[in-house]
Amino acid sequence: MENQTFREDILILEGLKVTSQSFILAFLLLLIIYIFIMVSNIGLLVLIFRSRSLHQPMYLLFCNMSINDVFGATIIIPHILQDLLISNSVRYIQYINCAIQAFCVHLHASASHTVLMIMAFDRYVAICNPLHYATIMTNRMVVKLSVSAWMISLVMVLILVGLSIRLSRCRWIIFNPFCDNASLFKLSCESVLINNIYGLGYTVVLLGSSIGSIILTYLKIAAVCVLSKNKVVNSRALQTCTTHLAVYIILLVSGFIIVILHRFPHLSDHRKVAAVLGHVALPALNAVIYGLQIKEVRQRIMTLFHNNKVALMEVK
């Protein structure tokens, strides 16, 4: 009985297929990317909170993205690094840990969409209603938007993963380098009709509201820019909106690639790599796209480097 319980609680995780010649390169590359994600995003958070001039709604809302990027990278990358070190061994994971990881993976993905939606709303108010921006985007509104973005994602993902946890299990292999909701309900031999219905509804609601709000927001912003003859305003709008739109397009493309590859079982290895990159590339790019493209943040970073350089010269 004890052995049976042990068997039911332990799953076999099918990781990335990396050759003995390339696993060191893959390990170092992922480790460097993870360090970069942590340093860049945490650095931006510290910079924004320490600089009073950056205590503006746009930057405070951006903190949600940096927090989500650190959260998402920490869920996936350390686990993959550990698996690379035991590339020739069978990988085991406890079911409870698998369920927690699946919850965190989907929370990160959902929050990526909801956070970008509230950031789009901020840009809409700033460009389309600049005279009332200060009265609309107060600190209280920033907190409300941030809490809403996380709570909506939290509730939706709790239901999503909860429907999979309730199922009994007759399989013990996860055909993925990390656990997600699909991996959980595929372990069951019961009917997963409810899971498929809610999963489809979850995807439609999340992507539908995300894509719909982004399209509507940018159409209104484009209309204001076309009617406006102020080149300075249009240039600033183009700069901030291009940054936001680039991040959103990368998020959508990476998600659609993973979904499409799920339809081709013979490309399972490609799907695994795409799944890992989808949770790694965007957190690594966000700090660069937002940090270096925003003038105020770029100036702060340059000032810090200059002060450090001067301090080193004085020491010498």
C-alpha atoms as a PDB file:
ATOM      1  CA  MET A   1       0.000   0.000   0.000  1.00  0.00           C
ATOM      2  CA  GLU A   2       2.850   2.349   0.864  1.00  0.00           C
ATOM      3  CA  ASN A   3       4.595   1.618  -2.460  1.00  0.00           C
ATOM      4  CA  GLN A   4       1.333   2.282  -4.337  1.00  0.00           C
ATOM      5  CA  THR A   5       0.938   5.639  -2.590  1.00  0.00           C
ATOM      6  CA  PHE A   6       4.542   6.504  -3.414  1.00  0.00           C
ATOM      7  CA  ARG A   7       3.950   5.633  -7.057  1.00  0.00           C
ATOM      8  CA  GLU A   8       0.836   7.802  -7.268  1.00  0.00           C
ATOM      9  CA  ASP A   9       2.585  10.795  -5.695  1.00  0.00           C
ATOM     10  CA  ILE A  10       5.696  10.650  -7.905  1.00  0.00           C
ATOM     11  CA  LEU A  11       5.610  11.613 -11.575  1.00  0.00           C
ATOM     12  CA  ILE A  12       8.206  11.171 -14.299  1.00  0.00           C
ATOM     13  CA  LEU A  13       9.059  14.410 -16.052  1.00  0.00           C
ATOM     14  CA  GLU A  14      10.260  14.278 -19.638  1.00  0.00           C
ATOM     15  CA  GLY A  15      12.779  17.090 -19.923  1.00  0.00           C
ATOM     16  CA  LEU A  16      14.658  18.670 -22.783  1.00  0.00           C
ATOM     17  CA  LYS A  17      16.673  16.311 -24.936  1.00  0.00           C
ATOM     18  CA  VAL A  18      20.163  17.759 -24.792  1.00  0.00           C
ATOM     19  CA  THR A  19      23.249  15.907 -25.984  1.00  0.00           C
ATOM     20  CA  SER A  20      26.217  15.385 -23.692  1.00  0.00           C
ATOM     21  CA  GLN A  21      28.262  17.711 -25.910  1.00  0.00           C
ATOM     22  CA  SER A  22      25.818  20.638 -25.718  1.00  0.00           C
ATOM     23  CA  PHE A  23      24.332  20.430 -22.224  1.00  0.00           C
ATOM     24  CA  ILE A  24      27.129  22.571 -20.704  1.00  0.00           C
ATOM     25  CA  LEU A  25      26.503  25.305 -23.285  1.00  0.00           C
ATOM     26  CA  ALA A  26      22.740  25.107 -22.709  1.00  0.00           C
ATOM     27  CA  PHE A  27      23.225  25.200 -18.929  1.00  0.00           C
ATOM     28  CA  LEU A  28      25.533  28.251 -19.052  1.00  0.00           C
ATOM     29  CA  LEU A  29      23.289  30.082 -21.508  1.00  0.00           C
ATOM     30  CA  LEU A  30      20.185  29.588 -19.366  1.00  0.00           C
ATOM     31  CA  LEU A  31      22.099  30.503 -16.207  1.00  0.00           C
ATOM     32  CA  ILE A  32      23.348  33.751 -17.766  1.00  0.00           C
ATOM     33  CA  ILE A  33      19.842  34.597 -18.995  1.00  0.00           C
ATOM     34  CA  TYR A  34      18.392  33.925 -15.532  1.00  0.00           C
ATOM     35  CA  ILE A  35      20.989  36.119 -13.826  1.00  0.00           C
ATOM     36  CA  PHE A  36      20.310  38.872 -16.375  1.00  0.00           C
ATOM     37  CA  ILE A  37      16.537  38.640 -15.796  1.00  0.00           C
ATOM     38  CA  MET A  38      16.941  38.854 -12.031  1.00  0.00           C
ATOM     39  CA  VAL A  39      19.522  41.663 -12.019  1.00  0.00           C
ATOM     40  CA  SER A  40      17.833  43.810 -14.691  1.00  0.00           C
ATOM     41  CA  ASN A  41      14.270  43.525 -13.402  1.00  0.00           C
ATOM     42  CA  ILE A  42      15.119  43.837  -9.705  1.00  0.00           C
ATOM     43  CA  GLY A  43      17.471  46.697 -10.580  1.00  0.00           C
ATOM     44  CA  LEU A  44      14.660  48.520 -12.385  1.00  0.00           C
ATOM     45  CA  LEU A  45      12.319  47.969  -9.441  1.00  0.00           C
ATOM     46  CA  VAL A  46      14.853  49.419  -7.003  1.00  0.00           C
ATOM     47  CA  LEU A  47      15.563  52.331  -9.354  1.00  0.00           C
ATOM     48  CA  ILE A  48      11.874  53.213  -9.723  1.00  0.00           C
ATOM     49  CA  PHE A  49      11.115  52.986  -6.000  1.00  0.00           C
ATOM     50  CA  ARG A  50      14.200  54.996  -4.989  1.00  0.00           C
ATOM     51  CA  SER A  51      13.705  57.806  -7.532  1.00  0.00           C
ATOM     52  CA  ARG A  52      10.842  60.163  -6.670  1.00  0.00           C
ATOM     53  CA  SER A  53      10.754  61.499 -10.233  1.00  0.00           C
ATOM     54  CA  LEU A  54       9.838  57.998 -11.418  1.00  0.00           C
ATOM     55  CA  HIS A  55       6.915  57.667  -9.017  1.00  0.00           C
ATOM     56  CA  GLN A  56       4.493  58.068 -11.913  1.00  0.00           C
ATOM     57  CA  PRO A  57       1.612  55.739 -12.835  1.00  0.00           C
ATOM     58  CA  MET A  58       3.330  54.463 -15.994  1.00  0.00           C
ATOM     59  CA  TYR A  59       6.434  53.338 -14.100  1.00  0.00           C
ATOM     60  CA  LEU A  60       4.550  52.047 -11.064  1.00  0.00           C
ATOM     61  CA  LEU A  61       2.368  49.922 -13.346  1.00  0.00           C
ATOM     62  CA  PHE A  62       5.509  48.717 -15.079  1.00  0.00           C
ATOM     63  CA  CYS A  63       6.676  47.360 -11.706  1.00  0.00           C
ATOM     64  CA  ASN A  64       3.928  44.734 -12.058  1.00  0.00           C
ATOM     65  CA  MET A  65       5.586  43.487 -15.234  1.00  0.00           C
ATOM     66  CA  SER A  66       9.026  43.291 -13.631  1.00  0.00           C
ATOM     67  CA  ILE A  67       7.636  41.417 -10.616  1.00  0.00           C
ATOM     68  CA  ASN A  68       5.812  39.015 -12.935  1.00  0.00           C
ATOM     69  CA  ASP A  69       8.973  38.478 -15.004  1.00  0.00           C
ATOM     70  CA  VAL A  70      11.049  37.615 -11.927  1.00  0.00           C
ATOM     71  CA  PHE A  71       8.248  35.325 -10.743  1.00  0.00           C
ATOM     72  CA  GLY A  72       7.893  33.567 -14.116  1.00  0.00           C
ATOM     73  CA  ALA A  73      11.614  33.081 -14.650  1.00  0.00           C
ATOM     74  CA  THR A  74      12.081  31.662 -11.140  1.00  0.00           C
ATOM     75  CA  ILE A  75       9.311  29.112 -11.729  1.00  0.00           C
ATOM     76  CA  ILE A  76      10.909  27.677 -14.862  1.00  0.00           C
ATOM     77  CA  ILE A  77      14.640  28.322 -15.200  1.00  0.00           C
ATOM     78  CA  PRO A  78      16.065  26.888 -11.922  1.00  0.00           C
ATOM     79  CA  HIS A  79      14.016  23.738 -12.516  1.00  0.00           C
ATOM     80  CA  ILE A  80      15.352  23.404 -16.087  1.00  0.00           C
ATOM     81  CA  LEU A  81      18.917  24.024 -14.885  1.00  0.00           C
ATOM     82  CA  GLN A  82      18.577  21.235 -12.344  1.00  0.00           C
ATOM     83  CA  ASP A  83      17.247  18.876 -15.027  1.00  0.00           C
ATOM     84  CA  LEU A  84      20.155  19.683 -17.336  1.00  0.00           C
ATOM     85  CA  LEU A  85      22.582  18.548 -14.645  1.00  0.00           C
ATOM     86  CA  ILE A  86      20.890  15.128 -14.544  1.00  0.00           C
ATOM     87  CA  SER A  87      20.311  14.883 -18.298  1.00  0.00           C
ATOM     88  CA  ASN A  88      21.093  11.160 -18.422  1.00  0.00           C
ATOM     89  CA  SER A  89      18.891  10.240 -15.458  1.00  0.00           C
ATOM     90  CA  VAL A  90      15.155   9.848 -15.008  1.00  0.00           C
ATOM     91  CA  ARG A  91      13.593  13.038 -13.661  1.00  0.00           C
ATOM     92  CA  TYR A  92      11.038  12.711 -10.880  1.00  0.00           C
ATOM     93  CA  ILE A  93       8.674  15.290  -9.444  1.00  0.00           C
ATOM     94  CA  GLN A  94       6.084  15.011  -6.676  1.00  0.00           C
ATOM     95  CA  TYR A  95       2.497  15.490  -7.813  1.00  0.00           C
ATOM     96  CA  ILE A  96       1.898  18.335  -5.368  1.00  0.00           C
ATOM     97  CA  ASN A  97       4.988  20.159  -6.645  1.00  0.00           C
ATOM     98  CA  CYS A  98       3.837  19.562 -10.211  1.00  0.00           C
ATOM     99  CA  ALA A  99       0.420  21.057  -9.418  1.00  0.00           C
ATOM    100  CA  ILE A 100       2.006  24.099  -7.744  1.00  0.00           C
ATOM    101  CA  GLN A 101       4.321  24.618 -10.697  1.00  0.00           C
ATOM    102  CA  ALA A 102       1.404  24.339 -13.155  1.00  0.00           C
ATOM    103  CA  PHE A 103      -0.537  26.927 -11.134  1.00  0.00           C
ATOM    104  CA  CYS A 104       2.428  29.323 -11.106  1.00  0.00           C
ATOM    105  CA  VAL A 105       3.125  28.841 -14.825  1.00  0.00           C
ATOM    106  CA  HIS A 106      -0.448  29.773 -15.775  1.00  0.00           C
ATOM    107  CA  LEU A 107      -0.580  32.607 -13.231  1.00  0.00           C
ATOM    108  CA  HIS A 108       2.516  34.112 -14.829  1.00  0.00           C
ATOM    109  CA  ALA A 109       1.085  33.744 -18.347  1.00  0.00           C
ATOM    110  CA  SER A 110      -2.308  35.189 -17.356  1.00  0.00           C
ATOM    111  CA  ALA A 111      -0.787  38.083 -15.416  1.00  0.00           C
ATOM    112  CA  SER A 112       1.346  38.949 -18.453  1.00  0.00           C
ATOM    113  CA  HIS A 113      -1.863  39.685 -20.365  1.00  0.00           C
ATOM    114  CA  THR A 114      -3.780  41.455 -17.592  1.00  0.00           C
ATOM    115  CA  VAL A 115      -0.789  43.631 -16.648  1.00  0.00           C
ATOM    116  CA  LEU A 116      -0.303  44.693 -20.283  1.00  0.00           C
ATOM    117  CA  MET A 117      -4.028  45.522 -20.421  1.00  0.00           C
ATOM    118  CA  ILE A 118      -3.837  47.944 -17.486  1.00  0.00           C
ATOM    119  CA  MET A 119      -0.672  49.471 -18.941  1.00  0.00           C
ATOM    120  CA  ALA A 120      -2.562  50.025 -22.219  1.00  0.00           C
ATOM    121  CA  PHE A 121      -5.325  51.788 -20.247  1.00  0.00           C
ATOM    122  CA  ASP A 122      -2.730  54.085 -18.703  1.00  0.00           C
ATOM    123  CA  ARG A 123      -1.360  55.005 -22.151  1.00  0.00           C
ATOM    124  CA  TYR A 124      -4.907  55.585 -23.408  1.00  0.00           C
ATOM    125  CA  VAL A 125      -5.709  58.051 -20.603  1.00  0.00           C
ATOM    126  CA  ALA A 126      -2.335  59.813 -20.948  1.00  0.00           C
ATOM    127  CA  ILE A 127      -2.684  60.376 -24.707  1.00  0.00           C
ATOM    128  CA  CYS A 128      -6.443  60.635 -25.245  1.00  0.00           C
ATOM    129  CA  ASN A 129      -7.338  62.520 -22.072  1.00  0.00           C
ATOM    130  CA  PRO A 130      -4.150  64.293 -20.936  1.00  0.00           C
ATOM    131  CA  LEU A 131      -5.899  67.133 -19.091  1.00  0.00           C
ATOM    132  CA  HIS A 132      -7.603  64.720 -16.695  1.00  0.00           C
ATOM    133  CA  TYR A 133      -4.725  62.223 -16.469  1.00  0.00           C
ATOM    134  CA  ALA A 134      -3.608  63.352 -13.008  1.00  0.00           C
ATOM    135  CA  THR A 135      -7.136  63.131 -11.587  1.00  0.00           C
ATOM    136  CA  ILE A 136      -7.859  59.718 -13.155  1.00  0.00           C
ATOM    137  CA  MET A 137      -4.533  57.943 -12.665  1.00  0.00           C
ATOM    138  CA  THR A 138      -4.108  58.579  -8.948  1.00  0.00           C
ATOM    139  CA  ASN A 139      -2.100  56.347  -6.623  1.00  0.00           C
ATOM    140  CA  ARG A 140      -5.378  54.756  -5.541  1.00  0.00           C
ATOM    141  CA  MET A 141      -6.259  53.954  -9.162  1.00  0.00           C
ATOM    142  CA  VAL A 142      -2.802  52.458  -9.751  1.00  0.00           C
ATOM    143  CA  VAL A 143      -3.267  50.172  -6.737  1.00  0.00           C
ATOM    144  CA  LYS A 144      -6.774  49.199  -7.881  1.00  0.00           C
ATOM    145  CA  LEU A 145      -5.586  48.357 -11.394  1.00  0.00           C
ATOM    146  CA  SER A 146      -2.606  46.360 -10.097  1.00  0.00           C
ATOM    147  CA  VAL A 147      -4.698  44.364  -7.608  1.00  0.00           C
ATOM    148  CA  SER A 148      -7.358  43.725 -10.256  1.00  0.00           C
ATOM    149  CA  ALA A 149      -4.785  42.445 -12.756  1.00  0.00           C
ATOM    150  CA  TRP A 150      -3.403  39.927 -10.274  1.00  0.00           C
ATOM    151  CA  MET A 151      -6.703  38.889  -8.654  1.00  0.00           C
ATOM    152  CA  ILE A 152      -8.456  38.202 -11.976  1.00  0.00           C
ATOM    153  CA  SER A 153      -5.539  36.012 -13.057  1.00  0.00           C
ATOM    154  CA  LEU A 154      -5.401  34.295  -9.668  1.00  0.00           C
ATOM    155  CA  VAL A 155      -9.095  33.334  -9.635  1.00  0.00           C
ATOM    156  CA  MET A 156      -9.145  32.143 -13.250  1.00  0.00           C
ATOM    157  CA  VAL A 157      -6.039  29.986 -12.795  1.00  0.00           C
ATOM    158  CA  LEU A 158      -7.240  28.569  -9.448  1.00  0.00           C
ATOM    159  CA  ILE A 159     -10.358  27.234 -11.173  1.00  0.00           C
ATOM    160  CA  LEU A 160      -8.346  26.006 -14.168  1.00  0.00           C
ATOM    161  CA  VAL A 161      -5.854  23.977 -12.126  1.00  0.00           C
ATOM    162  CA  GLY A 162      -8.451  22.989  -9.516  1.00  0.00           C
ATOM    163  CA  LEU A 163     -10.522  21.209 -12.169  1.00  0.00           C
ATOM    164  CA  SER A 164      -7.460  19.128 -13.080  1.00  0.00           C
ATOM    165  CA  ILE A 165      -6.439  18.292  -9.505  1.00  0.00           C
ATOM    166  CA  ARG A 166      -9.878  16.791  -8.778  1.00  0.00           C
ATOM    167  CA  LEU A 167      -9.308  14.047 -11.399  1.00  0.00           C
ATOM    168  CA  SER A 168      -7.945  10.614 -10.504  1.00  0.00           C
ATOM    169  CA  ARG A 169      -4.676   9.545 -12.157  1.00  0.00           C
ATOM    170  CA  CYS A 170      -3.825   6.484 -14.226  1.00  0.00           C
ATOM    171  CA  ARG A 171      -0.627   7.795 -15.839  1.00  0.00           C
ATOM    172  CA  TRP A 172       2.632   9.050 -14.352  1.00  0.00           C
ATOM    173  CA  ILE A 173       4.546  10.658 -17.221  1.00  0.00           C
ATOM    174  CA  ILE A 174       4.608  14.407 -17.948  1.00  0.00           C
ATOM    175  CA  PHE A 175       5.542  14.925 -21.596  1.00  0.00           C
ATOM    176  CA  ASN A 176       6.890  18.388 -20.983  1.00  0.00           C
ATOM    177  CA  PRO A 177      10.020  19.973 -19.459  1.00  0.00           C
ATOM    178  CA  PHE A 178       7.803  21.525 -16.772  1.00  0.00           C
ATOM    179  CA  CYS A 179       4.280  21.012 -15.466  1.00  0.00           C
ATOM    180  CA  ASP A 180       1.270  22.851 -16.850  1.00  0.00           C
ATOM    181  CA  ASN A 181      -2.491  22.349 -16.724  1.00  0.00           C
ATOM    182  CA  ALA A 182      -2.636  20.196 -19.870  1.00  0.00           C
ATOM    183  CA  SER A 183       0.023  17.909 -18.388  1.00  0.00           C
ATOM    184  CA  LEU A 184      -2.080  17.460 -15.245  1.00  0.00           C
ATOM    185  CA  PHE A 185      -5.405  16.488 -16.779  1.00  0.00           C
ATOM    186  CA  LYS A 186      -3.699  14.244 -19.361  1.00  0.00           C
ATOM    187  CA  LEU A 187      -2.663  12.040 -16.419  1.00  0.00           C
ATOM    188  CA  SER A 188      -6.290  11.027 -15.931  1.00  0.00           C
ATOM    189  CA  CYS A 189      -8.358   8.369 -17.696  1.00  0.00           C
ATOM    190  CA  GLU A 190     -11.598  10.082 -16.665  1.00  0.00           C
ATOM    191  CA  SER A 191     -13.628  12.368 -18.913  1.00  0.00           C
ATOM    192  CA  VAL A 192     -11.947  15.758 -19.207  1.00  0.00           C
ATOM    193  CA  LEU A 193     -14.853  17.425 -21.011  1.00  0.00           C
ATOM    194  CA  ILE A 194     -15.336  19.979 -18.219  1.00  0.00           C
ATOM    195  CA  ASN A 195     -11.615  20.756 -18.279  1.00  0.00           C
ATOM    196  CA  ASN A 196     -11.675  21.288 -22.042  1.00  0.00           C
ATOM    197  CA  ILE A 197     -14.779  23.490 -21.870  1.00  0.00           C
ATOM    198  CA  TYR A 198     -13.393  25.677 -19.078  1.00  0.00           C
ATOM    199  CA  GLY A 199      -9.920  25.706 -20.675  1.00  0.00           C
ATOM    200  CA  LEU A 200     -11.414  26.929 -23.954  1.00  0.00           C
ATOM    201  CA  GLY A 201     -13.533  29.519 -22.127  1.00  0.00           C
ATOM    202  CA  TYR A 202     -10.510  30.629 -20.093  1.00  0.00           C
ATOM    203  CA  THR A 203      -8.453  31.077 -23.276  1.00  0.00           C
ATOM    204  CA  VAL A 204     -11.234  32.890 -25.137  1.00  0.00           C
ATOM    205  CA  VAL A 205     -11.930  35.272 -22.245  1.00  0.00           C
ATOM    206  CA  LEU A 206      -8.264  36.004 -21.543  1.00  0.00           C
ATOM    207  CA  LEU A 207      -7.103  36.398 -25.142  1.00  0.00           C
ATOM    208  CA  GLY A 208     -10.376  37.942 -26.317  1.00  0.00           C
ATOM    209  CA  SER A 209     -10.364  40.660 -23.658  1.00  0.00           C
ATOM    210  CA  SER A 210      -6.624  41.142 -24.055  1.00  0.00           C
ATOM    211  CA  ILE A 211      -6.571  41.455 -27.846  1.00  0.00           C
ATOM    212  CA  GLY A 212      -9.855  43.374 -27.918  1.00  0.00           C
ATOM    213  CA  SER A 213      -8.750  45.959 -25.358  1.00  0.00           C
ATOM    214  CA  ILE A 214      -5.351  46.434 -27.008  1.00  0.00           C
ATOM    215  CA  ILE A 215      -6.886  46.890 -30.486  1.00  0.00           C
ATOM    216  CA  LEU A 216      -9.561  49.304 -29.203  1.00  0.00           C
ATOM    217  CA  THR A 217      -7.015  51.273 -27.186  1.00  0.00           C
ATOM    218  CA  TYR A 218      -4.587  51.675 -30.064  1.00  0.00           C
ATOM    219  CA  LEU A 219      -7.312  52.581 -32.545  1.00  0.00           C
ATOM    220  CA  LYS A 220      -8.395  55.433 -30.267  1.00  0.00           C
ATOM    221  CA  ILE A 221      -4.771  56.491 -29.693  1.00  0.00           C
ATOM    222  CA  ALA A 222      -4.137  56.411 -33.466  1.00  0.00           C
ATOM    223  CA  ALA A 223      -7.240  58.542 -34.082  1.00  0.00           C
ATOM    224  CA  VAL A 224      -6.054  61.140 -31.544  1.00  0.00           C
ATOM    225  CA  CYS A 225      -2.574  61.222 -33.087  1.00  0.00           C
ATOM    226  CA  VAL A 226      -3.981  61.656 -36.618  1.00  0.00           C
ATOM    227  CA  LEU A 227      -6.230  64.535 -35.559  1.00  0.00           C
ATOM    228  CA  SER A 228      -3.539  66.165 -33.432  1.00  0.00           C
ATOM    229  CA  LYS A 229      -1.055  68.523 -35.060  1.00  0.00           C
ATOM    230  CA  ASN A 230       1.283  68.500 -32.077  1.00  0.00           C
ATOM    231  CA  LYS A 231       4.412  66.678 -33.262  1.00  0.00           C
ATOM    232  CA  VAL A 232       5.876  66.477 -29.749  1.00  0.00           C
ATOM    233  CA  VAL A 233       2.797  64.711 -28.383  1.00  0.00           C
ATOM    234  CA  ASN A 234       2.646  62.361 -31.364  1.00  0.00           C
ATOM    235  CA  SER A 235       6.341  61.521 -31.049  1.00  0.00           C
ATOM    236  CA  ARG A 236       6.005  60.737 -27.336  1.00  0.00           C
ATOM    237  CA  ALA A 237       2.882  58.659 -27.974  1.00  0.00           C
ATOM    238  CA  LEU A 238       4.644  56.709 -30.713  1.00  0.00           C
ATOM    239  CA  GLN A 239       7.636  55.987 -28.463  1.00  0.00           C
ATOM    240  CA  THR A 240       5.677  54.701 -25.462  1.00  0.00           C
ATOM    241  CA  CYS A 241       3.079  52.828 -27.507  1.00  0.00           C
ATOM    242  CA  THR A 242       5.660  51.149 -29.745  1.00  0.00           C
ATOM    243  CA  THR A 243       7.422  49.796 -26.661  1.00  0.00           C
ATOM    244  CA  HIS A 244       4.197  48.450 -25.173  1.00  0.00           C
ATOM    245  CA  LEU A 245       2.991  47.012 -28.488  1.00  0.00           C
ATOM    246  CA  ALA A 246       6.327  45.270 -29.147  1.00  0.00           C
ATOM    247  CA  VAL A 247       6.131  43.460 -25.798  1.00  0.00           C
ATOM    248  CA  TYR A 248       2.525  42.471 -26.442  1.00  0.00           C
ATOM    249  CA  ILE A 249       3.246  41.116 -29.939  1.00  0.00           C
ATOM    250  CA  ILE A 250       6.182  39.038 -28.627  1.00  0.00           C
ATOM    251  CA  LEU A 251       3.875  37.631 -25.919  1.00  0.00           C
ATOM    252  CA  LEU A 252       1.176  36.704 -28.441  1.00  0.00           C
ATOM    253  CA  VAL A 253       3.556  35.203 -31.003  1.00  0.00           C
ATOM    254  CA  SER A 254       5.344  33.034 -28.430  1.00  0.00           C
ATOM    255  CA  GLY A 255       2.000  31.794 -27.095  1.00  0.00           C
ATOM    256  CA  PHE A 256       0.585  30.984 -30.524  1.00  0.00           C
ATOM    257  CA  ILE A 257       3.752  29.116 -31.544  1.00  0.00           C
ATOM    258  CA  ILE A 258       3.420  26.813 -28.519  1.00  0.00           C
ATOM    259  CA  VAL A 259      -0.298  26.218 -29.214  1.00  0.00           C
ATOM    260  CA  ILE A 260       0.368  25.442 -32.891  1.00  0.00           C
ATOM    261  CA  LEU A 261       3.209  23.034 -32.085  1.00  0.00           C
ATOM    262  CA  HIS A 262       0.847  21.128 -29.759  1.00  0.00           C
ATOM    263  CA  ARG A 263      -1.026  20.080 -32.929  1.00  0.00           C
ATOM    264  CA  PHE A 264       2.053  18.315 -34.307  1.00  0.00           C
ATOM    265  CA  PRO A 265       3.114  15.432 -32.002  1.00  0.00           C
ATOM    266  CA  HIS A 266       6.188  14.665 -34.144  1.00  0.00           C
ATOM    267  CA  LEU A 267       7.507  18.146 -33.267  1.00  0.00           C
ATOM    268  CA  SER A 268       7.373  17.539 -29.516  1.00  0.00           C
ATOM    269  CA  ASP A 269      11.056  18.411 -29.046  1.00  0.00           C
ATOM    270  CA  HIS A 270      10.537  21.724 -30.848  1.00  0.00           C
ATOM    271  CA  ARG A 271       7.473  22.390 -28.685  1.00  0.00           C
ATOM    272  CA  LYS A 272       9.483  21.820 -25.497  1.00  0.00           C
ATOM    273  CA  VAL A 273      12.155  24.282 -26.593  1.00  0.00           C
ATOM    274  CA  ALA A 274       9.492  26.813 -27.628  1.00  0.00           C
ATOM    275  CA  ALA A 275       7.717  26.385 -24.272  1.00  0.00           C
ATOM    276  CA  VAL A 276      10.923  27.111 -22.357  1.00  0.00           C
ATOM    277  CA  LEU A 277      11.834  30.066 -24.594  1.00  0.00           C
ATOM    278  CA  GLY A 278       8.317  31.447 -24.257  1.00  0.00           C
ATOM    279  CA  HIS A 279       8.784  31.710 -20.484  1.00  0.00           C
ATOM    280  CA  VAL A 280      12.391  32.904 -20.729  1.00  0.00           C
ATOM    281  CA  ALA A 281      12.677  35.253 -23.707  1.00  0.00           C
ATOM    282  CA  LEU A 282       9.988  37.763 -22.731  1.00  0.00           C
ATOM    283  CA  PRO A 283      11.225  38.296 -19.131  1.00  0.00           C
ATOM    284  CA  ALA A 284      14.719  38.838 -20.551  1.00  0.00           C
ATOM    285  CA  LEU A 285      13.490  41.275 -23.205  1.00  0.00           C
ATOM    286  CA  ASN A 286      11.098  43.307 -21.062  1.00  0.00           C
ATOM    287  CA  ALA A 287      13.791  44.970 -18.988  1.00  0.00           C
ATOM    288  CA  VAL A 288      15.706  45.884 -22.161  1.00  0.00           C
ATOM    289  CA  ILE A 289      12.666  47.065 -24.133  1.00  0.00           C
ATOM    290  CA  TYR A 290      11.164  49.115 -21.301  1.00  0.00           C
ATOM    291  CA  GLY A 291      14.275  50.052 -19.373  1.00  0.00           C
ATOM    292  CA  LEU A 292      16.477  51.232 -22.230  1.00  0.00           C
ATOM    293  CA  GLN A 293      13.694  52.723 -24.356  1.00  0.00           C
ATOM    294  CA  ILE A 294      12.274  54.931 -21.576  1.00  0.00           C
ATOM    295  CA  LYS A 295      14.293  58.128 -21.471  1.00  0.00           C
ATOM    296  CA  GLU A 296      14.024  58.739 -17.721  1.00  0.00           C
ATOM    297  CA  VAL A 297      15.098  55.213 -16.806  1.00  0.00           C
ATOM    298  CA  ARG A 298      17.954  55.289 -19.327  1.00  0.00           C
ATOM    299  CA  GLN A 299      19.227  58.561 -17.894  1.00  0.00           C
ATOM    300  CA  ARG A 300      19.116  57.153 -14.359  1.00  0.00           C
ATOM    301  CA  ILE A 301      21.087  54.093 -15.402  1.00  0.00           C
ATOM    302  CA  MET A 302      23.708  56.228 -17.150  1.00  0.00           C
ATOM    303  CA  THR A 303      23.958  58.455 -14.067  1.00  0.00           C
ATOM    304  CA  LEU A 304      24.537  55.428 -11.825  1.00  0.00           C
ATOM    305  CA  PHE A 305      27.298  54.121 -14.106  1.00  0.00           C
ATOM    306  CA  HIS A 306      28.897  57.578 -14.254  1.00  0.00           C
ATOM    307  CA  ASN A 307      28.832  57.982 -10.453  1.00  0.00           C
ATOM    308  CA  ASN A 308      30.339  54.515  -9.984  1.00  0.00           C
ATOM    309  CA  LYS A 309      33.080  55.325 -12.491  1.00  0.00           C
ATOM    310  CA  VAL A 310      33.910  58.585 -10.724  1.00  0.00           C
ATOM    311  CA  ALA A 311      33.973  56.822  -7.346  1.00  0.00           C
ATOM    312  CA  LEU A 312      36.384  54.185  -8.668  1.00  0.00           C
ATOM    313  CA  MET A 313      38.692  56.877 -10.091  1.00  0.00           C
ATOM    314  CA  GLU A 314      38.726  58.690  -6.735  1.00  0.00           C
ATOM    315  CA  VAL A 315      39.636  55.468  -4.933  1.00  0.00           C
ATOM    316  CA  LYS A 316      42.572  54.936  -7.303  1.00  0.00           C
END
